[in-house]
Amino acid sequence: LFLFSCGKDKEEKKSDKADILSWKVGDKAATISGKDITITLADGTDIKTIKSDVKISDKASISPDPARKTDFTSPLTFPVTAKDGTTTKKYK
C-alpha cells in the first residue's frame, strides 16, 4: 500500500524581512545606516523629480514607490513592509 500527498504538510512561513538592501540615484549609491539613508548628489540636481533604484527584501513592498518621480525637498519616510504583512521598518 502506497500513499501519496500533493498538499503541503506545513503552511509556508511568510518572511518578516523588511529591509532596504541598496538605494541608488543614477550612478550614485546611498549609504544605509540603520534606518537612515544618505546620498550626495551633484550640484544642480533637481531634487523635485528624483527616480531611485531601490532593492528591498524579497517579497517586501515599499511606499511611496521610489522608482517614480519623487520630490525630496522635504524629508520623506519610506515604510518597507515584509511579506508577512505586519513587519514594517520606516526608513528616512
N, C-alpha and C. Protein backbone atom coordinates (compact mmCIF):
# COMPACT_ATOMS: atom_id res chain seq x y z
N LEU A 1 0.85 -1.19 0.00
CA LEU A 1 0.00 0.00 0.00
C LEU A 1 0.89 1.24 0.00
N PHE A 2 0.64 2.13 -0.97
CA PHE A 2 1.38 3.38 -1.06
C PHE A 2 0.42 4.55 -0.94
N LEU A 3 0.81 5.53 -0.16
CA LEU A 3 0.01 6.75 -0.01
C LEU A 3 0.85 7.94 -0.45
N PHE A 4 0.27 8.79 -1.24
CA PHE A 4 0.95 9.98 -1.71
C PHE A 4 0.10 11.20 -1.38
N SER A 5 0.78 12.29 -1.11
CA SER A 5 0.08 13.52 -0.81
C SER A 5 0.64 14.64 -1.67
N CYS A 6 -0.21 15.41 -2.24
CA CYS A 6 0.21 16.56 -3.04
C CYS A 6 0.10 17.86 -2.25
N GLY A 7 -0.58 17.83 -1.14
CA GLY A 7 -0.76 19.03 -0.33
C GLY A 7 0.48 19.35 0.48
N LYS A 8 0.50 20.54 1.01
CA LYS A 8 1.61 20.95 1.87
C LYS A 8 1.34 20.49 3.28
N ASP A 9 2.38 19.91 3.90
CA ASP A 9 2.24 19.49 5.29
C ASP A 9 2.26 20.68 6.23
N LYS A 10 3.04 21.67 5.86
CA LYS A 10 3.15 22.86 6.70
C LYS A 10 2.78 24.07 5.86
N GLU A 11 2.15 25.01 6.49
CA GLU A 11 1.83 26.25 5.80
C GLU A 11 3.13 27.02 5.60
N GLU A 12 3.31 27.58 4.41
CA GLU A 12 4.51 28.34 4.10
C GLU A 12 4.63 29.53 5.03
N LYS A 13 5.80 29.66 5.67
CA LYS A 13 6.03 30.79 6.57
C LYS A 13 6.32 32.04 5.73
N LYS A 14 5.59 33.09 6.00
CA LYS A 14 5.79 34.34 5.28
C LYS A 14 6.94 35.10 5.94
N SER A 15 7.80 35.63 5.10
CA SER A 15 9.00 36.32 5.56
C SER A 15 8.67 37.56 6.38
N ASP A 16 9.50 37.81 7.40
CA ASP A 16 9.37 39.04 8.19
C ASP A 16 10.49 40.02 7.85
N LYS A 17 11.15 39.82 6.72
CA LYS A 17 12.24 40.70 6.28
C LYS A 17 11.65 41.96 5.64
N ALA A 18 12.06 43.11 6.14
CA ALA A 18 11.56 44.40 5.64
C ALA A 18 12.73 45.37 5.56
N ASP A 19 13.70 45.04 4.72
CA ASP A 19 14.93 45.82 4.65
C ASP A 19 15.11 46.50 3.30
N ILE A 20 15.73 47.67 3.33
CA ILE A 20 16.24 48.28 2.11
C ILE A 20 17.67 47.79 2.00
N LEU A 21 17.95 47.08 0.92
CA LEU A 21 19.27 46.48 0.72
C LEU A 21 20.22 47.43 0.01
N SER A 22 19.69 48.23 -0.91
CA SER A 22 20.51 49.23 -1.60
C SER A 22 19.60 50.33 -2.15
N TRP A 23 20.20 51.49 -2.35
CA TRP A 23 19.47 52.65 -2.88
C TRP A 23 20.44 53.41 -3.77
N LYS A 24 20.04 53.63 -5.03
CA LYS A 24 20.88 54.37 -5.98
C LYS A 24 20.05 55.41 -6.71
N VAL A 25 20.71 56.51 -7.03
CA VAL A 25 20.15 57.52 -7.92
C VAL A 25 21.19 57.67 -9.02
N GLY A 26 20.82 57.23 -10.22
CA GLY A 26 21.80 57.21 -11.31
C GLY A 26 22.95 56.30 -10.92
N ASP A 27 24.17 56.82 -10.98
CA ASP A 27 25.34 56.02 -10.61
C ASP A 27 25.80 56.27 -9.17
N LYS A 28 25.03 57.05 -8.43
CA LYS A 28 25.38 57.38 -7.04
C LYS A 28 24.69 56.42 -6.07
N ALA A 29 25.47 55.75 -5.26
CA ALA A 29 24.92 54.82 -4.27
C ALA A 29 24.77 55.52 -2.92
N ALA A 30 23.67 55.25 -2.27
CA ALA A 30 23.42 55.81 -0.94
C ALA A 30 24.10 54.96 0.13
N THR A 31 24.31 55.58 1.27
CA THR A 31 24.77 54.87 2.46
C THR A 31 23.54 54.61 3.32
N ILE A 32 23.37 53.36 3.73
CA ILE A 32 22.24 52.99 4.59
C ILE A 32 22.82 52.60 5.94
N SER A 33 22.46 53.37 6.96
CA SER A 33 22.94 53.13 8.33
C SER A 33 21.73 52.99 9.23
N GLY A 34 21.46 51.76 9.64
CA GLY A 34 20.23 51.53 10.40
C GLY A 34 19.05 51.80 9.51
N LYS A 35 18.25 52.80 9.88
CA LYS A 35 17.09 53.17 9.06
C LYS A 35 17.27 54.53 8.40
N ASP A 36 18.52 55.02 8.37
CA ASP A 36 18.82 56.31 7.76
C ASP A 36 19.48 56.09 6.40
N ILE A 37 19.02 56.82 5.39
CA ILE A 37 19.55 56.74 4.04
C ILE A 37 20.17 58.09 3.70
N THR A 38 21.43 58.08 3.28
CA THR A 38 22.14 59.31 2.94
C THR A 38 22.77 59.16 1.56
N ILE A 39 22.57 60.18 0.73
CA ILE A 39 23.18 60.18 -0.61
C ILE A 39 23.58 61.61 -0.95
N THR A 40 24.71 61.75 -1.61
CA THR A 40 25.18 63.06 -2.06
C THR A 40 25.05 63.10 -3.57
N LEU A 41 24.31 64.09 -4.06
CA LEU A 41 24.09 64.25 -5.49
C LEU A 41 24.82 65.48 -5.99
N ALA A 42 25.04 65.54 -7.27
CA ALA A 42 25.75 66.66 -7.89
C ALA A 42 24.98 67.96 -7.71
N ASP A 43 25.73 69.06 -7.59
CA ASP A 43 25.11 70.39 -7.53
C ASP A 43 24.22 70.56 -8.76
N GLY A 44 23.06 71.17 -8.58
CA GLY A 44 22.17 71.42 -9.69
C GLY A 44 21.18 70.29 -9.96
N THR A 45 21.29 69.18 -9.20
CA THR A 45 20.34 68.08 -9.38
C THR A 45 18.95 68.54 -8.96
N ASP A 46 17.97 68.30 -9.80
CA ASP A 46 16.58 68.68 -9.49
C ASP A 46 16.02 67.65 -8.50
N ILE A 47 15.99 68.01 -7.23
CA ILE A 47 15.54 67.06 -6.20
C ILE A 47 14.01 66.97 -6.10
N LYS A 48 13.32 67.64 -7.02
CA LYS A 48 11.86 67.53 -7.05
C LYS A 48 11.39 66.39 -7.95
N THR A 49 12.32 65.82 -8.73
CA THR A 49 11.93 64.77 -9.69
C THR A 49 12.92 63.60 -9.68
N ILE A 50 13.31 63.17 -8.51
CA ILE A 50 14.29 62.08 -8.38
C ILE A 50 13.61 60.73 -8.58
N LYS A 51 14.23 59.89 -9.40
CA LYS A 51 13.83 58.48 -9.52
C LYS A 51 14.97 57.66 -8.94
N SER A 52 14.64 56.75 -8.04
CA SER A 52 15.66 55.94 -7.37
C SER A 52 15.53 54.48 -7.77
N ASP A 53 16.67 53.80 -7.77
CA ASP A 53 16.71 52.35 -7.98
C ASP A 53 16.94 51.73 -6.61
N VAL A 54 15.92 51.09 -6.07
CA VAL A 54 15.97 50.58 -4.70
C VAL A 54 15.76 49.07 -4.70
N LYS A 55 16.61 48.38 -3.97
CA LYS A 55 16.47 46.93 -3.76
C LYS A 55 16.00 46.71 -2.33
N ILE A 56 14.91 45.94 -2.19
CA ILE A 56 14.36 45.64 -0.87
C ILE A 56 14.31 44.13 -0.67
N SER A 57 13.99 43.71 0.53
CA SER A 57 13.86 42.29 0.84
C SER A 57 12.89 41.61 -0.12
N ASP A 58 13.17 40.34 -0.42
CA ASP A 58 12.33 39.56 -1.31
C ASP A 58 10.88 39.55 -0.83
N LYS A 59 9.97 39.84 -1.72
CA LYS A 59 8.52 39.83 -1.48
C LYS A 59 8.03 40.97 -0.58
N ALA A 60 8.92 41.89 -0.21
CA ALA A 60 8.51 43.05 0.60
C ALA A 60 7.97 44.13 -0.33
N SER A 61 7.35 45.15 0.26
CA SER A 61 6.83 46.28 -0.53
C SER A 61 7.29 47.58 0.11
N ILE A 62 7.36 48.63 -0.70
CA ILE A 62 7.79 49.94 -0.23
C ILE A 62 6.81 50.99 -0.76
N SER A 63 6.55 52.00 0.08
CA SER A 63 5.63 53.06 -0.32
C SER A 63 6.07 54.37 0.33
N PRO A 64 6.11 55.47 -0.39
CA PRO A 64 5.81 55.58 -1.81
C PRO A 64 6.89 54.88 -2.64
N ASP A 65 6.56 54.57 -3.88
CA ASP A 65 7.48 53.86 -4.77
C ASP A 65 8.60 54.82 -5.19
N PRO A 66 9.84 54.57 -4.73
CA PRO A 66 10.93 55.49 -5.08
C PRO A 66 11.35 55.42 -6.55
N ALA A 67 10.85 54.44 -7.30
CA ALA A 67 11.16 54.36 -8.73
C ALA A 67 10.37 55.40 -9.53
N ARG A 68 9.33 55.94 -8.91
CA ARG A 68 8.56 57.02 -9.54
C ARG A 68 9.21 58.35 -9.18
N LYS A 69 8.93 59.37 -9.96
CA LYS A 69 9.48 60.69 -9.65
C LYS A 69 9.02 61.10 -8.26
N THR A 70 10.00 61.47 -7.43
CA THR A 70 9.72 61.80 -6.03
C THR A 70 10.33 63.16 -5.70
N ASP A 71 9.61 63.96 -4.96
CA ASP A 71 10.06 65.28 -4.53
C ASP A 71 10.75 65.14 -3.17
N PHE A 72 12.06 65.40 -3.13
CA PHE A 72 12.84 65.28 -1.91
C PHE A 72 13.16 66.64 -1.29
N THR A 73 12.37 67.68 -1.58
CA THR A 73 12.64 68.99 -0.99
C THR A 73 12.36 69.00 0.51
N SER A 74 11.54 68.06 0.98
CA SER A 74 11.29 67.88 2.41
C SER A 74 11.63 66.44 2.77
N PRO A 75 12.01 66.20 4.03
CA PRO A 75 12.34 64.82 4.43
C PRO A 75 11.14 63.88 4.21
N LEU A 76 11.44 62.68 3.73
CA LEU A 76 10.41 61.67 3.49
C LEU A 76 10.69 60.42 4.31
N THR A 77 9.65 59.66 4.56
CA THR A 77 9.78 58.36 5.22
C THR A 77 9.29 57.31 4.23
N PHE A 78 10.04 56.21 4.12
CA PHE A 78 9.70 55.11 3.22
C PHE A 78 9.48 53.85 4.05
N PRO A 79 8.22 53.52 4.37
CA PRO A 79 7.94 52.29 5.09
C PRO A 79 8.13 51.08 4.15
N VAL A 80 8.84 50.07 4.66
CA VAL A 80 9.00 48.81 3.94
C VAL A 80 8.25 47.76 4.75
N THR A 81 7.33 47.07 4.09
CA THR A 81 6.51 46.06 4.76
C THR A 81 6.88 44.68 4.25
N ALA A 82 7.13 43.77 5.17
CA ALA A 82 7.52 42.40 4.83
C ALA A 82 6.35 41.63 4.25
N LYS A 83 6.65 40.48 3.67
CA LYS A 83 5.62 39.63 3.08
C LYS A 83 4.58 39.20 4.12
N ASP A 84 4.99 39.12 5.40
CA ASP A 84 4.03 38.70 6.44
C ASP A 84 2.93 39.73 6.66
N GLY A 85 3.10 40.94 6.09
CA GLY A 85 2.07 41.96 6.17
C GLY A 85 2.03 42.73 7.47
N THR A 86 2.83 42.35 8.46
CA THR A 86 2.80 43.04 9.75
C THR A 86 4.14 43.69 10.12
N THR A 87 5.23 43.11 9.66
CA THR A 87 6.54 43.67 10.00
C THR A 87 6.83 44.85 9.06
N THR A 88 7.06 46.02 9.66
CA THR A 88 7.35 47.23 8.89
C THR A 88 8.54 47.95 9.50
N LYS A 89 9.42 48.43 8.63
CA LYS A 89 10.53 49.29 9.05
C LYS A 89 10.38 50.60 8.28
N LYS A 90 10.56 51.72 8.97
CA LYS A 90 10.43 53.04 8.35
C LYS A 90 11.82 53.63 8.15
N TYR A 91 12.17 53.82 6.89
CA TYR A 91 13.45 54.41 6.52
C TYR A 91 13.26 55.87 6.19
N LYS A 92 14.28 56.68 6.50
CA LYS A 92 14.23 58.10 6.17
C LYS A 92 15.56 58.56 5.62
